[in-house]
Amino acid sequence: MGYIYADLVVRGRISKSIRALVNTGSAYVVLDPKTISEVGLHETPFEVESTLADKRRVKARLYLAEVEAEGRRGRLRCEVKCANAYTWDICPRNLRSEAESDHRQA
């Protein structure tokens, strides 16, 4: 089984290109605190609780951003987690097909 990555542009006060690990099981995009600060994302008054793959529950602050992937743009909810952890839950059809193919072959 392999990993699928996508090139994204995250927009807040400024834009920044990042390479993101695709996680179709995630409800949020996860960014490190440095990227959130650099891009200048809008912080909401909300905190979210997520369940990790190992069943641990963690809380994180919620931010708003616009993200572009393969020419498609949309508003996303981003949460801050651990440094250098990027996940992406909106997967273009061609990347999703590759991920499903990798999963079936494993």
C-alpha atoms as a PDB file:
ATOM      1  CA  MET A   1       0.000   0.000   0.000  1.00  0.00           C
ATOM      2  CA  GLY A   2       1.322   3.449  -0.859  1.00  0.00           C
ATOM      3  CA  TYR A   3       0.616   7.024   0.122  1.00  0.00           C
ATOM      4  CA  ILE A   4      -1.145   9.602  -2.026  1.00  0.00           C
ATOM      5  CA  TYR A   5      -0.032  13.234  -1.959  1.00  0.00           C
ATOM      6  CA  ALA A   6      -1.570  16.299  -3.569  1.00  0.00           C
ATOM      7  CA  ASP A   7      -0.243  19.798  -4.210  1.00  0.00           C
ATOM      8  CA  LEU A   8      -2.509  22.389  -2.588  1.00  0.00           C
ATOM      9  CA  VAL A   9      -2.648  26.162  -2.368  1.00  0.00           C
ATOM     10  CA  VAL A  10      -3.867  27.301   1.060  1.00  0.00           C
ATOM     11  CA  ARG A  11      -5.241  30.856   1.181  1.00  0.00           C
ATOM     12  CA  GLY A  12      -5.711  33.123   4.185  1.00  0.00           C
ATOM     13  CA  ARG A  13      -4.222  36.614   4.261  1.00  0.00           C
ATOM     14  CA  ILE A  14      -1.606  35.219   1.856  1.00  0.00           C
ATOM     15  CA  SER A  15      -1.340  32.081  -0.280  1.00  0.00           C
ATOM     16  CA  LYS A  16       1.076  29.214   0.264  1.00  0.00           C
ATOM     17  CA  SER A  17       1.673  26.050  -1.763  1.00  0.00           C
ATOM     18  CA  ILE A  18       1.988  22.851   0.263  1.00  0.00           C
ATOM     19  CA  ARG A  19       2.290  19.145  -0.459  1.00  0.00           C
ATOM     20  CA  ALA A  20      -0.420  17.286   1.472  1.00  0.00           C
ATOM     21  CA  LEU A  21      -1.000  13.669   2.404  1.00  0.00           C
ATOM     22  CA  VAL A  22      -4.468  12.638   1.182  1.00  0.00           C
ATOM     23  CA  ASN A  23      -6.684  11.110   3.874  1.00  0.00           C
ATOM     24  CA  THR A  24     -10.194  10.443   2.575  1.00  0.00           C
ATOM     25  CA  GLY A  25     -11.284   9.409   6.077  1.00  0.00           C
ATOM     26  CA  SER A  26     -10.568  12.814   7.603  1.00  0.00           C
ATOM     27  CA  ALA A  27     -13.242  15.435   8.243  1.00  0.00           C
ATOM     28  CA  TYR A  28     -10.723  18.294   8.408  1.00  0.00           C
ATOM     29  CA  VAL A  29      -7.536  19.522   6.810  1.00  0.00           C
ATOM     30  CA  VAL A  30      -4.769  19.391   9.415  1.00  0.00           C
ATOM     31  CA  LEU A  31      -2.005  22.011   9.298  1.00  0.00           C
ATOM     32  CA  ASP A  32       0.965  22.695  11.528  1.00  0.00           C
ATOM     33  CA  PRO A  33       0.975  25.908  13.622  1.00  0.00           C
ATOM     34  CA  LYS A  34       3.754  27.484  11.520  1.00  0.00           C
ATOM     35  CA  THR A  35       1.740  27.197   8.277  1.00  0.00           C
ATOM     36  CA  ILE A  36      -1.413  28.552   9.946  1.00  0.00           C
ATOM     37  CA  SER A  37       0.568  31.539  11.215  1.00  0.00           C
ATOM     38  CA  GLU A  38       2.386  32.152   7.900  1.00  0.00           C
ATOM     39  CA  VAL A  39      -0.801  32.053   5.826  1.00  0.00           C
ATOM     40  CA  GLY A  40      -2.751  34.124   8.354  1.00  0.00           C
ATOM     41  CA  LEU A  41      -5.810  31.887   8.669  1.00  0.00           C
ATOM     42  CA  HIS A  42      -8.930  33.156  10.444  1.00  0.00           C
ATOM     43  CA  GLU A  43      -9.252  31.561  13.897  1.00  0.00           C
ATOM     44  CA  THR A  44     -12.780  30.665  14.979  1.00  0.00           C
ATOM     45  CA  PRO A  45     -13.904  30.545  18.630  1.00  0.00           C
ATOM     46  CA  PHE A  46     -14.461  26.789  18.236  1.00  0.00           C
ATOM     47  CA  GLU A  47     -12.509  23.735  19.288  1.00  0.00           C
ATOM     48  CA  VAL A  48     -13.064  20.324  17.687  1.00  0.00           C
ATOM     49  CA  GLU A  49     -12.425  16.818  18.964  1.00  0.00           C
ATOM     50  CA  SER A  50     -11.032  14.232  16.565  1.00  0.00           C
ATOM     51  CA  THR A  51     -10.534  10.499  16.931  1.00  0.00           C
ATOM     52  CA  LEU A  52      -7.186   9.310  15.590  1.00  0.00           C
ATOM     53  CA  ALA A  53      -6.539   5.977  13.887  1.00  0.00           C
ATOM     54  CA  ASP A  54      -5.254   4.539  17.173  1.00  0.00           C
ATOM     55  CA  LYS A  55      -8.564   5.560  18.839  1.00  0.00           C
ATOM     56  CA  ARG A  56      -7.064   8.447  20.842  1.00  0.00           C
ATOM     57  CA  ARG A  57      -9.222  11.568  21.040  1.00  0.00           C
ATOM     58  CA  VAL A  58      -7.522  14.933  20.655  1.00  0.00           C
ATOM     59  CA  LYS A  59      -8.836  18.500  20.747  1.00  0.00           C
ATOM     60  CA  ALA A  60      -7.722  21.217  18.345  1.00  0.00           C
ATOM     61  CA  ARG A  61      -8.492  24.849  17.503  1.00  0.00           C
ATOM     62  CA  LEU A  62     -10.547  25.430  14.343  1.00  0.00           C
ATOM     63  CA  TYR A  63      -9.461  27.823  11.567  1.00  0.00           C
ATOM     64  CA  LEU A  64     -11.010  28.789   8.219  1.00  0.00           C
ATOM     65  CA  ALA A  65      -9.161  28.726   4.900  1.00  0.00           C
ATOM     66  CA  GLU A  66      -9.672  28.483   1.176  1.00  0.00           C
ATOM     67  CA  VAL A  67      -7.831  25.618  -0.506  1.00  0.00           C
ATOM     68  CA  GLU A  68      -7.212  24.983  -4.197  1.00  0.00           C
ATOM     69  CA  ALA A  69      -6.346  21.598  -5.680  1.00  0.00           C
ATOM     70  CA  GLU A  70      -6.079  20.853  -9.389  1.00  0.00           C
ATOM     71  CA  GLY A  71      -7.880  24.100 -10.231  1.00  0.00           C
ATOM     72  CA  ARG A  72     -10.779  23.423  -7.841  1.00  0.00           C
ATOM     73  CA  ARG A  73     -11.308  25.870  -4.971  1.00  0.00           C
ATOM     74  CA  GLY A  74     -13.350  25.643  -1.819  1.00  0.00           C
ATOM     75  CA  ARG A  75     -13.663  26.760   1.788  1.00  0.00           C
ATOM     76  CA  LEU A  76     -12.302  24.338   4.327  1.00  0.00           C
ATOM     77  CA  ARG A  77     -12.139  23.943   8.058  1.00  0.00           C
ATOM     78  CA  CYS A  78      -8.577  23.511   9.227  1.00  0.00           C
ATOM     79  CA  GLU A  79      -7.384  22.384  12.599  1.00  0.00           C
ATOM     80  CA  VAL A  80      -3.987  22.695  14.169  1.00  0.00           C
ATOM     81  CA  LYS A  81      -2.470  19.423  15.327  1.00  0.00           C
ATOM     82  CA  CYS A  82       1.110  18.261  15.441  1.00  0.00           C
ATOM     83  CA  ALA A  83       3.891  19.837  13.426  1.00  0.00           C
ATOM     84  CA  ASN A  84       4.364  18.587   9.860  1.00  0.00           C
ATOM     85  CA  ALA A  85       1.063  16.670   9.760  1.00  0.00           C
ATOM     86  CA  TYR A  86      -1.000  17.496   6.710  1.00  0.00           C
ATOM     87  CA  THR A  87      -4.152  15.647   5.705  1.00  0.00           C
ATOM     88  CA  TRP A  88      -6.687  16.434   3.065  1.00  0.00           C
ATOM     89  CA  ASP A  89     -10.246  15.152   2.937  1.00  0.00           C
ATOM     90  CA  ILE A  90     -11.406  16.528  -0.419  1.00  0.00           C
ATOM     91  CA  CYS A  91      -9.824  14.248  -2.987  1.00  0.00           C
ATOM     92  CA  PRO A  92     -10.191  14.733  -6.763  1.00  0.00           C
ATOM     93  CA  ARG A  93     -11.694  11.694  -8.456  1.00  0.00           C
ATOM     94  CA  ASN A  94      -8.451  10.656 -10.189  1.00  0.00           C
ATOM     95  CA  LEU A  95      -6.473  10.636  -6.911  1.00  0.00           C
ATOM     96  CA  ARG A  96      -9.279   8.829  -5.080  1.00  0.00           C
ATOM     97  CA  SER A  97      -9.299   6.133  -7.784  1.00  0.00           C
ATOM     98  CA  GLU A  98      -5.535   5.648  -7.428  1.00  0.00           C
ATOM     99  CA  ALA A  99      -5.855   5.349  -3.646  1.00  0.00           C
ATOM    100  CA  GLU A 100      -8.657   2.799  -3.940  1.00  0.00           C
ATOM    101  CA  SER A 101      -6.602   0.834  -6.481  1.00  0.00           C
ATOM    102  CA  ASP A 102      -3.580   0.809  -4.133  1.00  0.00           C
ATOM    103  CA  HIS A 103      -5.819  -0.368  -1.285  1.00  0.00           C
ATOM    104  CA  ARG A 104      -7.289  -3.238  -3.345  1.00  0.00           C
ATOM    105  CA  GLN A 105      -3.801  -4.406  -4.377  1.00  0.00           C
ATOM    106  CA  ALA A 106      -2.521  -4.480  -0.772  1.00  0.00           C
END
